[in-house]
C-alpha atoms as a PDB file:
ATOM      1  CA  MET A   1     137.303  73.534 235.418  1.00  0.00           C
ATOM      2  CA  ILE A   2     140.939  72.587 234.878  1.00  0.00           C
ATOM      3  CA  LEU A   3     139.985  68.899 234.830  1.00  0.00           C
ATOM      4  CA  HIS A   4     137.260  69.562 232.268  1.00  0.00           C
ATOM      5  CA  ARG A   5     139.762  71.339 230.012  1.00  0.00           C
ATOM      6  CA  TYR A   6     142.165  68.423 230.395  1.00  0.00           C
ATOM      7  CA  PHE A   7     139.515  65.864 229.404  1.00  0.00           C
ATOM      8  CA  ALA A   8     138.399  68.011 226.489  1.00  0.00           C
ATOM      9  CA  ARG A   9     141.987  68.391 225.235  1.00  0.00           C
ATOM     10  CA  ARG A  10     142.674  64.659 225.571  1.00  0.00           C
ATOM     11  CA  PHE A  11     139.535  63.742 223.663  1.00  0.00           C
ATOM     12  CA  ALA A  12     140.177  66.332 220.926  1.00  0.00           C
ATOM     13  CA  TRP A  13     143.701  64.970 220.399  1.00  0.00           C
ATOM     14  CA  SER A  14     142.429  61.383 220.375  1.00  0.00           C
ATOM     15  CA  PHE A  15     139.791  62.260 217.768  1.00  0.00           C
ATOM     16  CA  ALA A  16     142.324  64.178 215.642  1.00  0.00           C
ATOM     17  CA  ALA A  17     144.795  61.282 215.713  1.00  0.00           C
ATOM     18  CA  THR A  18     142.124  58.742 214.763  1.00  0.00           C
ATOM     19  CA  PHE A  19     140.813  61.013 212.018  1.00  0.00           C
ATOM     20  CA  GLY A  20     144.313  61.495 210.617  1.00  0.00           C
ATOM     21  CA  ALA A  21     145.002  57.764 210.606  1.00  0.00           C
ATOM     22  CA  PHE A  22     141.821  57.063 208.641  1.00  0.00           C
ATOM     23  CA  PHE A  23     142.630  59.962 206.309  1.00  0.00           C
ATOM     24  CA  LEU A  24     145.952  58.428 205.295  1.00  0.00           C
ATOM     25  CA  LEU A  25     144.584  54.887 205.111  1.00  0.00           C
ATOM     26  CA  MET A  26     141.592  55.786 202.947  1.00  0.00           C
ATOM     27  CA  LEU A  27     143.714  58.005 200.696  1.00  0.00           C
ATOM     28  CA  LEU A  28     146.132  55.157 199.981  1.00  0.00           C
ATOM     29  CA  ILE A  29     143.319  52.652 199.378  1.00  0.00           C
ATOM     30  CA  ASP A  30     141.440  54.991 197.042  1.00  0.00           C
ATOM     31  CA  LEU A  31     144.606  55.952 195.185  1.00  0.00           C
ATOM     32  CA  VAL A  32     145.404  52.290 194.547  1.00  0.00           C
ATOM     33  CA  GLU A  33     141.853  51.798 193.263  1.00  0.00           C
ATOM     34  CA  GLN A  34     142.130  54.814 190.937  1.00  0.00           C
ATOM     35  CA  LEU A  35     145.447  53.524 189.609  1.00  0.00           C
ATOM     36  CA  ARG A  36     143.819  50.179 188.906  1.00  0.00           C
ATOM     37  CA  ARG A  37     140.944  51.807 187.030  1.00  0.00           C
ATOM     38  CA  PHE A  38     142.707  54.618 185.145  1.00  0.00           C
ATOM     39  CA  GLY A  39     146.419  53.865 185.564  1.00  0.00           C
ATOM     40  CA  GLY A  40     147.138  53.660 181.852  1.00  0.00           C
ATOM     41  CA  GLU A  41     144.774  56.443 180.803  1.00  0.00           C
ATOM     42  CA  ALA A  42     145.425  59.417 183.118  1.00  0.00           C
ATOM     43  CA  PRO A  43     148.412  61.134 184.770  1.00  0.00           C
ATOM     44  CA  PHE A  44     149.194  60.319 188.389  1.00  0.00           C
ATOM     45  CA  ALA A  45     148.485  63.928 189.424  1.00  0.00           C
ATOM     46  CA  ASP A  46     144.913  63.698 188.089  1.00  0.00           C
ATOM     47  CA  LEU A  47     144.347  60.411 189.907  1.00  0.00           C
ATOM     48  CA  LEU A  48     145.701  61.852 193.160  1.00  0.00           C
ATOM     49  CA  ARG A  49     143.402  64.868 192.765  1.00  0.00           C
ATOM     50  CA  LEU A  50     140.449  62.557 192.126  1.00  0.00           C
ATOM     51  CA  SER A  51     141.257  60.560 195.268  1.00  0.00           C
ATOM     52  CA  LEU A  52     141.538  63.725 197.355  1.00  0.00           C
ATOM     53  CA  LEU A  53     138.194  64.969 196.031  1.00  0.00           C
ATOM     54  CA  GLY A  54     136.475  61.729 196.989  1.00  0.00           C
ATOM     55  CA  LEU A  55     138.109  61.528 200.408  1.00  0.00           C
ATOM     56  CA  PRO A  56     135.814  63.955 202.328  1.00  0.00           C
ATOM     57  CA  ASP A  57     132.759  61.888 201.398  1.00  0.00           C
ATOM     58  CA  GLY A  58     134.344  58.690 202.695  1.00  0.00           C
ATOM     59  CA  LEU A  59     135.541  60.281 205.936  1.00  0.00           C
ATOM     60  CA  TYR A  60     132.156  61.893 206.520  1.00  0.00           C
ATOM     61  CA  SER A  61     130.375  58.560 206.162  1.00  0.00           C
ATOM     62  CA  ILE A  62     132.596  56.861 208.769  1.00  0.00           C
ATOM     63  CA  LEU A  63     132.565  59.745 211.245  1.00  0.00           C
ATOM     64  CA  PRO A  64     130.605  57.665 213.808  1.00  0.00           C
ATOM     65  CA  LEU A  65     133.252  54.923 213.620  1.00  0.00           C
ATOM     66  CA  ILE A  66     136.015  57.480 214.125  1.00  0.00           C
ATOM     67  CA  MET A  67     134.139  58.864 217.125  1.00  0.00           C
ATOM     68  CA  VAL A  68     133.780  55.521 218.908  1.00  0.00           C
ATOM     69  CA  LEU A  69     137.395  54.497 218.215  1.00  0.00           C
ATOM     70  CA  ALA A  70     138.650  57.849 219.506  1.00  0.00           C
ATOM     71  CA  THR A  71     136.551  57.399 222.646  1.00  0.00           C
ATOM     72  CA  ILE A  72     137.851  53.871 223.255  1.00  0.00           C
ATOM     73  CA  ALA A  73     141.469  54.930 222.667  1.00  0.00           C
ATOM     74  CA  MET A  74     141.189  57.847 225.072  1.00  0.00           C
ATOM     75  CA  PHE A  75     139.514  56.034 227.977  1.00  0.00           C
ATOM     76  CA  LEU A  76     141.661  52.910 227.622  1.00  0.00           C
ATOM     77  CA  GLY A  77     144.765  55.072 227.878  1.00  0.00           C
ATOM     78  CA  MET A  78     143.413  56.925 230.908  1.00  0.00           C
ATOM     79  CA  ALA A  79     142.303  53.707 232.587  1.00  0.00           C
ATOM     80  CA  ARG A  80     145.698  52.076 232.130  1.00  0.00           C
ATOM     81  CA  SER A  81     147.483  55.110 233.547  1.00  0.00           C
ATOM     82  CA  SER A  82     145.035  55.096 236.483  1.00  0.00           C
ATOM     83  CA  GLU A  83     143.901  58.641 235.654  1.00  0.00           C
ATOM     84  CA  MET A  84     140.289  57.521 235.903  1.00  0.00           C
ATOM     85  CA  VAL A  85     140.972  56.084 239.367  1.00  0.00           C
ATOM     86  CA  VAL A  86     142.444  59.410 240.471  1.00  0.00           C
ATOM     87  CA  THR A  87     139.480  61.245 238.959  1.00  0.00           C
ATOM     88  CA  ARG A  88     137.035  59.124 240.936  1.00  0.00           C
ATOM     89  CA  ALA A  89     139.143  59.544 244.084  1.00  0.00           C
ATOM     90  CA  ALA A  90     138.851  63.307 243.614  1.00  0.00           C
ATOM     91  CA  GLY A  91     135.084  62.941 243.833  1.00  0.00           C
ATOM     92  CA  ARG A  92     134.239  63.152 240.129  1.00  0.00           C
ATOM     93  CA  SER A  93     131.571  60.706 238.968  1.00  0.00           C
ATOM     94  CA  ALA A  94     131.649  59.087 235.544  1.00  0.00           C
ATOM     95  CA  LEU A  95     128.941  61.359 234.172  1.00  0.00           C
ATOM     96  CA  ARG A  96     130.714  64.508 235.387  1.00  0.00           C
ATOM     97  CA  ALA A  97     133.954  63.281 233.820  1.00  0.00           C
ATOM     98  CA  LEU A  98     132.092  62.876 230.514  1.00  0.00           C
ATOM     99  CA  VAL A  99     130.854  66.469 230.384  1.00  0.00           C
ATOM    100  CA  ALA A 100     133.912  67.786 228.518  1.00  0.00           C
ATOM    101  CA  PRO A 101     134.078  64.934 225.943  1.00  0.00           C
ATOM    102  CA  ILE A 102     130.327  65.321 225.363  1.00  0.00           C
ATOM    103  CA  VAL A 103     130.775  69.025 224.636  1.00  0.00           C
ATOM    104  CA  VAL A 104     133.654  68.279 222.246  1.00  0.00           C
ATOM    105  CA  ALA A 105     131.659  65.516 220.493  1.00  0.00           C
ATOM    106  CA  LEU A 106     128.623  67.775 220.024  1.00  0.00           C
ATOM    107  CA  THR A 107     130.882  70.551 218.724  1.00  0.00           C
ATOM    108  CA  ILE A 108     132.457  68.147 216.234  1.00  0.00           C
ATOM    109  CA  GLY A 109     129.004  67.011 215.118  1.00  0.00           C
ATOM    110  CA  ILE A 110     127.711  70.555 214.649  1.00  0.00           C
ATOM    111  CA  LEU A 111     130.836  71.605 212.732  1.00  0.00           C
ATOM    112  CA  ALA A 112     130.590  68.468 210.593  1.00  0.00           C
ATOM    113  CA  VAL A 113     127.001  69.255 209.601  1.00  0.00           C
ATOM    114  CA  ALA A 114     127.548  72.996 209.137  1.00  0.00           C
ATOM    115  CA  ILE A 115     130.960  72.966 207.416  1.00  0.00           C
ATOM    116  CA  LEU A 116     132.024  69.473 206.376  1.00  0.00           C
ATOM    117  CA  ASN A 117     128.650  68.639 204.798  1.00  0.00           C
ATOM    118  CA  PRO A 118     128.872  71.472 202.192  1.00  0.00           C
ATOM    119  CA  ILE A 119     132.516  70.556 201.550  1.00  0.00           C
ATOM    120  CA  VAL A 120     131.512  66.939 200.922  1.00  0.00           C
ATOM    121  CA  ALA A 121     128.744  68.053 198.552  1.00  0.00           C
ATOM    122  CA  ALA A 122     131.105  70.285 196.559  1.00  0.00           C
ATOM    123  CA  THR A 123     133.967  67.786 196.348  1.00  0.00           C
ATOM    124  CA  SER A 124     131.597  64.941 195.441  1.00  0.00           C
ATOM    125  CA  LYS A 125     130.216  66.907 192.492  1.00  0.00           C
ATOM    126  CA  GLU A 126     133.711  67.854 191.350  1.00  0.00           C
ATOM    127  CA  ALA A 127     134.874  64.241 191.681  1.00  0.00           C
ATOM    128  CA  GLU A 128     131.951  63.036 189.548  1.00  0.00           C
ATOM    129  CA  THR A 129     132.720  65.660 186.909  1.00  0.00           C
ATOM    130  CA  ARG A 130     136.414  64.774 186.734  1.00  0.00           C
ATOM    131  CA  GLU A 131     135.672  61.062 186.676  1.00  0.00           C
ATOM    132  CA  ALA A 132     133.213  61.636 183.829  1.00  0.00           C
ATOM    133  CA  GLU A 133     135.936  63.543 181.948  1.00  0.00           C
ATOM    134  CA  LEU A 134     138.377  60.684 182.439  1.00  0.00           C
ATOM    135  CA  ARG A 135     135.757  58.251 181.188  1.00  0.00           C
ATOM    136  CA  SER A 136     134.897  60.614 178.292  1.00  0.00           C
ATOM    137  CA  GLY A 137     131.348  60.727 179.546  1.00  0.00           C
ATOM    138  CA  GLY A 138     128.879  63.568 179.813  1.00  0.00           C
ATOM    139  CA  PRO A 139     127.448  65.460 182.747  1.00  0.00           C
ATOM    140  CA  SER A 140     124.116  64.813 184.427  1.00  0.00           C
ATOM    141  CA  VAL A 141     121.109  64.904 182.089  1.00  0.00           C
ATOM    142  CA  LEU A 142     118.751  66.450 184.641  1.00  0.00           C
ATOM    143  CA  SER A 143     118.607  69.644 186.667  1.00  0.00           C
ATOM    144  CA  ILE A 144     115.885  71.222 188.791  1.00  0.00           C
ATOM    145  CA  SER A 145     115.745  74.971 189.342  1.00  0.00           C
ATOM    146  CA  ALA A 146     113.196  77.597 190.303  1.00  0.00           C
ATOM    147  CA  SER A 147     112.212  77.923 186.613  1.00  0.00           C
ATOM    148  CA  GLY A 148     111.265  74.245 186.318  1.00  0.00           C
ATOM    149  CA  LEU A 149     112.728  70.917 185.277  1.00  0.00           C
ATOM    150  CA  TRP A 150     115.570  70.846 182.729  1.00  0.00           C
ATOM    151  CA  LEU A 151     116.747  67.860 180.706  1.00  0.00           C
ATOM    152  CA  ARG A 152     119.471  67.388 178.125  1.00  0.00           C
ATOM    153  CA  GLN A 153     119.678  64.779 175.399  1.00  0.00           C
ATOM    154  CA  GLY A 154     121.648  64.460 172.196  1.00  0.00           C
ATOM    155  CA  ASP A 155     124.189  62.705 170.045  1.00  0.00           C
ATOM    156  CA  ASP A 156     127.005  63.670 167.684  1.00  0.00           C
ATOM    157  CA  SER A 157     124.638  65.416 165.225  1.00  0.00           C
ATOM    158  CA  SER A 158     122.521  67.564 167.589  1.00  0.00           C
ATOM    159  CA  GLN A 159     121.732  68.460 171.192  1.00  0.00           C
ATOM    160  CA  THR A 160     118.283  69.135 172.631  1.00  0.00           C
ATOM    161  CA  VAL A 161     117.464  71.081 175.787  1.00  0.00           C
ATOM    162  CA  ILE A 162     114.104  70.305 177.386  1.00  0.00           C
ATOM    163  CA  ARG A 163     112.303  72.464 179.944  1.00  0.00           C
ATOM    164  CA  ALA A 164     109.094  71.438 181.703  1.00  0.00           C
ATOM    165  CA  ALA A 165     106.948  73.100 184.351  1.00  0.00           C
ATOM    166  CA  ARG A 166     105.994  69.822 186.044  1.00  0.00           C
ATOM    167  CA  THR A 167     106.634  66.100 185.805  1.00  0.00           C
ATOM    168  CA  ASN A 168     105.645  62.796 187.373  1.00  0.00           C
ATOM    169  CA  LEU A 169     107.683  60.922 189.999  1.00  0.00           C
ATOM    170  CA  ASP A 170     110.210  59.419 187.570  1.00  0.00           C
ATOM    171  CA  GLY A 171     110.509  62.273 185.066  1.00  0.00           C
ATOM    172  CA  THR A 172     108.943  60.411 182.125  1.00  0.00           C
ATOM    173  CA  GLN A 173     105.746  62.503 181.814  1.00  0.00           C
ATOM    174  CA  LEU A 174     106.286  66.232 181.318  1.00  0.00           C
ATOM    175  CA  GLN A 175     103.761  69.082 181.312  1.00  0.00           C
ATOM    176  CA  ASN A 176     104.029  72.503 179.602  1.00  0.00           C
ATOM    177  CA  VAL A 177     107.224  71.390 177.924  1.00  0.00           C
ATOM    178  CA  THR A 178     109.617  73.140 175.532  1.00  0.00           C
ATOM    179  CA  PHE A 179     112.179  71.429 173.247  1.00  0.00           C
ATOM    180  CA  ILE A 180     115.009  73.482 171.716  1.00  0.00           C
ATOM    181  CA  THR A 181     117.369  71.680 169.345  1.00  0.00           C
ATOM    182  CA  PHE A 182     120.924  72.919 168.709  1.00  0.00           C
ATOM    183  CA  THR A 183     123.555  72.062 166.134  1.00  0.00           C
ATOM    184  CA  PRO A 184     126.977  70.798 167.292  1.00  0.00           C
ATOM    185  CA  GLU A 185     128.269  74.326 166.649  1.00  0.00           C
ATOM    186  CA  GLY A 186     125.782  75.751 169.134  1.00  0.00           C
ATOM    187  CA  GLY A 187     123.136  77.410 166.946  1.00  0.00           C
ATOM    188  CA  PRO A 188     119.419  76.664 167.499  1.00  0.00           C
ATOM    189  CA  THR A 189     117.573  74.849 164.701  1.00  0.00           C
ATOM    190  CA  ARG A 190     114.075  74.175 166.068  1.00  0.00           C
ATOM    191  CA  ARG A 191     111.788  75.004 168.958  1.00  0.00           C
ATOM    192  CA  ILE A 192     108.776  72.938 169.981  1.00  0.00           C
ATOM    193  CA  GLU A 193     106.219  73.672 172.679  1.00  0.00           C
ATOM    194  CA  ALA A 194     103.708  71.057 173.794  1.00  0.00           C
ATOM    195  CA  ALA A 195     101.100  70.523 176.488  1.00  0.00           C
ATOM    196  CA  THR A 196     102.497  67.129 177.491  1.00  0.00           C
ATOM    197  CA  ALA A 197     105.405  64.835 176.598  1.00  0.00           C
ATOM    198  CA  GLN A 198     105.573  61.115 177.386  1.00  0.00           C
ATOM    199  CA  LEU A 199     108.906  59.274 177.276  1.00  0.00           C
ATOM    200  CA  THR A 200     108.594  55.938 175.487  1.00  0.00           C
ATOM    201  CA  THR A 201     111.245  53.581 174.133  1.00  0.00           C
ATOM    202  CA  GLY A 202     113.502  55.737 171.971  1.00  0.00           C
ATOM    203  CA  ALA A 203     111.225  58.780 171.675  1.00  0.00           C
ATOM    204  CA  TRP A 204     109.139  61.520 173.291  1.00  0.00           C
ATOM    205  CA  ASP A 205     105.417  61.452 172.354  1.00  0.00           C
ATOM    206  CA  LEU A 206     104.065  65.018 172.383  1.00  0.00           C
ATOM    207  CA  THR A 207     100.455  66.241 172.416  1.00  0.00           C
ATOM    208  CA  ASP A 208      99.105  69.677 171.353  1.00  0.00           C
ATOM    209  CA  ALA A 209     102.500  70.637 169.965  1.00  0.00           C
ATOM    210  CA  LYS A 210     103.659  73.649 167.959  1.00  0.00           C
ATOM    211  CA  ALA A 211     107.020  73.726 166.172  1.00  0.00           C
ATOM    212  CA  TRP A 212     109.046  76.723 164.965  1.00  0.00           C
ATOM    213  CA  PRO A 213     112.054  76.357 162.627  1.00  0.00           C
ATOM    214  CA  LEU A 214     115.003  78.458 163.812  1.00  0.00           C
ATOM    215  CA  ASP A 215     117.456  77.858 160.984  1.00  0.00           C
ATOM    216  CA  GLY A 216     117.061  81.399 159.628  1.00  0.00           C
ATOM    217  CA  ALA A 217     115.340  80.357 156.392  1.00  0.00           C
ATOM    218  CA  GLY A 218     112.384  82.658 157.041  1.00  0.00           C
ATOM    219  CA  VAL A 219     110.109  84.154 159.668  1.00  0.00           C
ATOM    220  CA  ALA A 220     109.766  81.495 162.335  1.00  0.00           C
ATOM    221  CA  GLU A 221     106.141  82.268 163.213  1.00  0.00           C
ATOM    222  CA  ALA A 222     105.058  82.184 159.595  1.00  0.00           C
ATOM    223  CA  LEU A 223     106.652  78.766 159.142  1.00  0.00           C
ATOM    224  CA  ALA A 224     105.359  77.338 162.439  1.00  0.00           C
ATOM    225  CA  THR A 225     103.317  74.145 162.327  1.00  0.00           C
ATOM    226  CA  GLU A 226     100.834  72.699 164.806  1.00  0.00           C
ATOM    227  CA  HIS A 227     100.448  69.014 165.598  1.00  0.00           C
ATOM    228  CA  ASP A 228      97.917  67.107 167.674  1.00  0.00           C
ATOM    229  CA  THR A 229     100.602  64.517 168.271  1.00  0.00           C
ATOM    230  CA  LEU A 230     104.303  64.641 167.491  1.00  0.00           C
ATOM    231  CA  ARG A 231     107.092  62.111 168.024  1.00  0.00           C
ATOM    232  CA  ILE A 232     110.665  63.253 168.762  1.00  0.00           C
ATOM    233  CA  PRO A 233     113.523  60.722 168.870  1.00  0.00           C
ATOM    234  CA  SER A 234     115.239  60.499 172.265  1.00  0.00           C
ATOM    235  CA  THR A 235     118.377  58.906 173.660  1.00  0.00           C
ATOM    236  CA  LEU A 236     117.137  59.164 177.244  1.00  0.00           C
ATOM    237  CA  THR A 237     115.784  56.375 179.401  1.00  0.00           C
ATOM    238  CA  ALA A 238     113.807  56.489 182.633  1.00  0.00           C
ATOM    239  CA  ASP A 239     116.798  55.044 184.512  1.00  0.00           C
ATOM    240  CA  GLU A 240     119.097  57.803 183.233  1.00  0.00           C
ATOM    241  CA  ILE A 241     116.671  60.490 184.386  1.00  0.00           C
ATOM    242  CA  ARG A 242     116.237  58.861 187.778  1.00  0.00           C
ATOM    243  CA  ASP A 243     119.989  58.365 188.264  1.00  0.00           C
ATOM    244  CA  SER A 244     120.668  62.012 187.401  1.00  0.00           C
ATOM    245  CA  PHE A 245     119.312  63.079 190.752  1.00  0.00           C
ATOM    246  CA  GLY A 246     122.358  61.492 192.366  1.00  0.00           C
ATOM    247  CA  THR A 247     122.267  61.199 196.147  1.00  0.00           C
ATOM    248  CA  PRO A 248     120.939  63.754 198.632  1.00  0.00           C
ATOM    249  CA  SER A 249     124.469  63.975 200.038  1.00  0.00           C
ATOM    250  CA  SER A 250     125.521  65.824 196.871  1.00  0.00           C
ATOM    251  CA  ILE A 251     123.405  68.816 197.980  1.00  0.00           C
ATOM    252  CA  PRO A 252     124.739  71.104 200.762  1.00  0.00           C
ATOM    253  CA  ILE A 253     122.535  71.040 203.828  1.00  0.00           C
ATOM    254  CA  TRP A 254     122.017  74.819 203.615  1.00  0.00           C
ATOM    255  CA  GLU A 255     120.492  74.405 200.134  1.00  0.00           C
ATOM    256  CA  LEU A 256     118.568  71.205 200.846  1.00  0.00           C
ATOM    257  CA  PRO A 257     115.289  72.770 202.119  1.00  0.00           C
ATOM    258  CA  ALA A 258     114.993  74.919 198.979  1.00  0.00           C
ATOM    259  CA  PHE A 259     115.839  71.928 196.782  1.00  0.00           C
ATOM    260  CA  ILE A 260     113.108  69.893 198.523  1.00  0.00           C
ATOM    261  CA  ASP A 261     110.615  72.667 197.767  1.00  0.00           C
ATOM    262  CA  ARG A 262     111.650  72.700 194.094  1.00  0.00           C
ATOM    263  CA  LEU A 263     111.306  68.911 193.923  1.00  0.00           C
ATOM    264  CA  GLU A 264     107.777  69.048 195.286  1.00  0.00           C
ATOM    265  CA  VAL A 265     106.784  71.910 192.989  1.00  0.00           C
ATOM    266  CA  ALA A 266     108.149  69.978 190.001  1.00  0.00           C
ATOM    267  CA  GLY A 267     106.046  66.965 191.000  1.00  0.00           C
ATOM    268  CA  PHE A 268     108.768  64.649 192.342  1.00  0.00           C
ATOM    269  CA  SER A 269     108.663  62.893 195.693  1.00  0.00           C
ATOM    270  CA  ALA A 270     111.042  64.556 198.167  1.00  0.00           C
ATOM    271  CA  THR A 271     110.750  61.881 200.873  1.00  0.00           C
ATOM    272  CA  ARG A 272     114.306  60.643 200.368  1.00  0.00           C
ATOM    273  CA  HIS A 273     115.728  64.149 200.689  1.00  0.00           C
ATOM    274  CA  GLN A 274     113.563  64.958 203.713  1.00  0.00           C
ATOM    275  CA  VAL A 275     114.849  61.854 205.499  1.00  0.00           C
ATOM    276  CA  TRP A 276     118.434  62.778 204.629  1.00  0.00           C
ATOM    277  CA  LEU A 277     117.943  66.328 205.936  1.00  0.00           C
ATOM    278  CA  GLN A 278     116.637  65.066 209.270  1.00  0.00           C
ATOM    279  CA  MET A 279     119.445  62.502 209.521  1.00  0.00           C
ATOM    280  CA  GLU A 280     122.032  65.221 208.981  1.00  0.00           C
ATOM    281  CA  LEU A 281     120.427  67.348 211.680  1.00  0.00           C
ATOM    282  CA  ALA A 282     120.500  64.314 213.995  1.00  0.00           C
ATOM    283  CA  LEU A 283     124.187  63.573 213.315  1.00  0.00           C
ATOM    284  CA  PRO A 284     125.506  65.357 216.462  1.00  0.00           C
ATOM    285  CA  ALA A 285     123.123  63.251 218.583  1.00  0.00           C
ATOM    286  CA  PHE A 286     124.288  60.078 216.824  1.00  0.00           C
ATOM    287  CA  LEU A 287     127.950  60.944 217.449  1.00  0.00           C
ATOM    288  CA  LEU A 288     127.065  61.545 221.090  1.00  0.00           C
ATOM    289  CA  ALA A 289     125.515  58.073 221.242  1.00  0.00           C
ATOM    290  CA  MET A 290     128.750  56.601 219.828  1.00  0.00           C
ATOM    291  CA  LEU A 291     130.755  58.430 222.491  1.00  0.00           C
ATOM    292  CA  LEU A 292     128.555  57.248 225.356  1.00  0.00           C
ATOM    293  CA  ILE A 293     128.557  53.627 224.191  1.00  0.00           C
ATOM    294  CA  GLY A 294     132.333  53.598 223.868  1.00  0.00           C
ATOM    295  CA  ALA A 295     132.773  55.265 227.257  1.00  0.00           C
ATOM    296  CA  GLY A 296     130.362  52.890 228.984  1.00  0.00           C
ATOM    297  CA  PHE A 297     132.615  49.891 228.314  1.00  0.00           C
ATOM    298  CA  THR A 298     136.065  51.470 228.686  1.00  0.00           C
ATOM    299  CA  MET A 299     135.912  53.985 231.569  1.00  0.00           C
ATOM    300  CA  ARG A 300     136.304  51.326 234.238  1.00  0.00           C
ATOM    301  CA  HIS A 301     139.673  50.106 235.451  1.00  0.00           C
ATOM    302  CA  GLN A 302     140.713  47.281 233.110  1.00  0.00           C
ATOM    303  CA  ARG A 303     141.502  43.942 234.721  1.00  0.00           C
ATOM    304  CA  GLY A 304     143.118  40.891 233.140  1.00  0.00           C
ATOM    305  CA  GLY A 305     141.841  39.847 229.738  1.00  0.00           C
ATOM    306  CA  ARG A 306     138.508  41.649 229.923  1.00  0.00           C
ATOM    307  CA  THR A 307     139.769  44.653 227.993  1.00  0.00           C
ATOM    308  CA  GLY A 308     139.490  43.018 224.582  1.00  0.00           C
ATOM    309  CA  VAL A 309     136.012  41.701 225.351  1.00  0.00           C
ATOM    310  CA  MET A 310     134.789  45.122 226.495  1.00  0.00           C
ATOM    311  CA  VAL A 311     136.242  46.880 223.462  1.00  0.00           C
ATOM    312  CA  LEU A 312     134.771  44.305 221.089  1.00  0.00           C
ATOM    313  CA  THR A 313     131.377  44.589 222.777  1.00  0.00           C
ATOM    314  CA  ALA A 314     131.413  48.389 222.463  1.00  0.00           C
ATOM    315  CA  ILE A 315     132.337  48.244 218.767  1.00  0.00           C
ATOM    316  CA  LEU A 316     129.702  45.586 218.018  1.00  0.00           C
ATOM    317  CA  LEU A 317     127.014  47.604 219.785  1.00  0.00           C
ATOM    318  CA  CYS A 318     127.996  50.695 217.813  1.00  0.00           C
ATOM    319  CA  PHE A 319     127.828  48.738 214.555  1.00  0.00           C
ATOM    320  CA  GLY A 320     124.431  47.428 215.645  1.00  0.00           C
ATOM    321  CA  LEU A 321     123.164  50.955 216.277  1.00  0.00           C
ATOM    322  CA  PHE A 322     124.598  52.046 212.917  1.00  0.00           C
ATOM    323  CA  PHE A 323     122.724  49.195 211.219  1.00  0.00           C
ATOM    324  CA  ILE A 324     119.479  50.164 212.986  1.00  0.00           C
ATOM    325  CA  ARG A 325     119.997  53.762 211.849  1.00  0.00           C
ATOM    326  CA  ASN A 326     120.460  52.679 208.228  1.00  0.00           C
ATOM    327  CA  PHE A 327     117.444  50.362 208.452  1.00  0.00           C
ATOM    328  CA  ALA A 328     115.321  53.215 209.831  1.00  0.00           C
ATOM    329  CA  GLN A 329     116.569  55.412 206.981  1.00  0.00           C
ATOM    330  CA  ILE A 330     115.354  52.842 204.435  1.00  0.00           C
ATOM    331  CA  LEU A 331     111.973  52.648 206.154  1.00  0.00           C
ATOM    332  CA  GLY A 332     111.735  56.429 206.108  1.00  0.00           C
ATOM    333  CA  GLU A 333     112.682  56.701 202.433  1.00  0.00           C
ATOM    334  CA  ASN A 334     110.025  54.111 201.579  1.00  0.00           C
ATOM    335  CA  GLY A 335     107.409  56.056 203.520  1.00  0.00           C
ATOM    336  CA  GLN A 336     106.917  53.331 206.141  1.00  0.00           C
ATOM    337  CA  ILE A 337     107.717  55.657 209.062  1.00  0.00           C
ATOM    338  CA  PRO A 338     107.905  59.490 209.354  1.00  0.00           C
ATOM    339  CA  ALA A 339     111.171  61.156 208.421  1.00  0.00           C
ATOM    340  CA  MET A 340     111.781  62.595 211.887  1.00  0.00           C
ATOM    341  CA  LEU A 341     111.189  59.224 213.542  1.00  0.00           C
ATOM    342  CA  ALA A 342     113.596  57.519 211.126  1.00  0.00           C
ATOM    343  CA  ALA A 343     116.314  60.092 211.799  1.00  0.00           C
ATOM    344  CA  TRP A 344     115.985  60.802 215.511  1.00  0.00           C
ATOM    345  CA  ALA A 345     114.792  57.523 217.073  1.00  0.00           C
ATOM    346  CA  PRO A 346     118.083  55.515 216.722  1.00  0.00           C
ATOM    347  CA  PRO A 347     120.438  58.160 218.182  1.00  0.00           C
ATOM    348  CA  LEU A 348     118.058  59.047 221.017  1.00  0.00           C
ATOM    349  CA  ALA A 349     117.568  55.356 221.817  1.00  0.00           C
ATOM    350  CA  GLY A 350     121.347  54.872 221.789  1.00  0.00           C
ATOM    351  CA  ILE A 351     121.858  57.847 224.123  1.00  0.00           C
ATOM    352  CA  GLY A 352     119.204  56.576 226.524  1.00  0.00           C
ATOM    353  CA  ALA A 353     120.552  53.022 226.591  1.00  0.00           C
ATOM    354  CA  SER A 354     124.177  54.113 227.038  1.00  0.00           C
ATOM    355  CA  LEU A 355     123.271  56.522 229.846  1.00  0.00           C
ATOM    356  CA  GLY A 356     121.458  53.673 231.584  1.00  0.00           C
ATOM    357  CA  LEU A 357     124.546  51.493 231.177  1.00  0.00           C
ATOM    358  CA  LEU A 358     126.807  54.211 232.594  1.00  0.00           C
ATOM    359  CA  LEU A 359     124.547  54.770 235.576  1.00  0.00           C
ATOM    360  CA  HIS A 360     124.404  51.034 236.249  1.00  0.00           C
ATOM    361  CA  LEU A 361     128.137  50.322 235.899  1.00  0.00           C
ATOM    362  CA  GLU A 362     129.609  53.510 237.328  1.00  0.00           C
ATOM    363  CA  ASP A 363     127.119  55.130 239.694  1.00  0.00           C
ATOM    364  CA  GLY A 364     124.640  52.327 240.290  1.00  0.00           C
END
């Protein structure tokens, strides 16, 4: 038990040191990039805050790399100090020596999904908002809630809020839609309800529409007009609507199942978000695969110049598994393979292959 605690403490410190090194490195790189982009337009404090807000997302994306480097650093240090030789002499096999690091790696993965994932989602949204403010841009034009699909369009003279019960896959065909136009001061000027709305170049084409003036000139219902077809100018494009979804990583994992349900009810395809949800749930297994691959090449006593070759091989194999994982994610998002297969097959294959390597090299 004492030996397990020692291995767990060594691995936790190795992971913390590697994580801290990447934290400082990525912060400096991102800060330099922000200074290049906004150096003459924003105070240094705002740029530093923007870099700090974007940092959790970057660290979260390279968590597998941090895991394998921490594993290599720990076992290389223990091999050079002959601690692994003493461990084997005490009757501990390689797999038994890995029990504590495996527990720590799984704990890190679970905490990353449960805690760091929502933090990344919140900081990413805040970073986008602050960057949009620095660029004098506007917020996202699209939002999906339990009450339906919401869009926003406008210019300097007016703003229009659009609500629809359902839509097609790219948000260009709306059903049971309502348009409410506001003045720049905030007062409503017109309300339109229609059965359908089709986004064309520069306009919405409405069918079975009814319009109410809301400028206070009279009773709105008495002045209402009905139209078989009605054309409303629009500044939106299909690309803007599609881009407003952002990435699934901007949604906390605890809210992602409900968001997927709202997407499907609104008529959008939720395949991309389903794949992302499964990949987040599989993250602890993927980190475990990184640990086992790194340990398989560095737990043995290092002789001569083979250390560099073994380390390079471990890193290349981890990058290869990372590439396979990303490739499977693309296949899953395109509907070529099921979401669970895309998310779980690479880490489970990596765990199986690395365990086979460990059994062959250490206990075979």
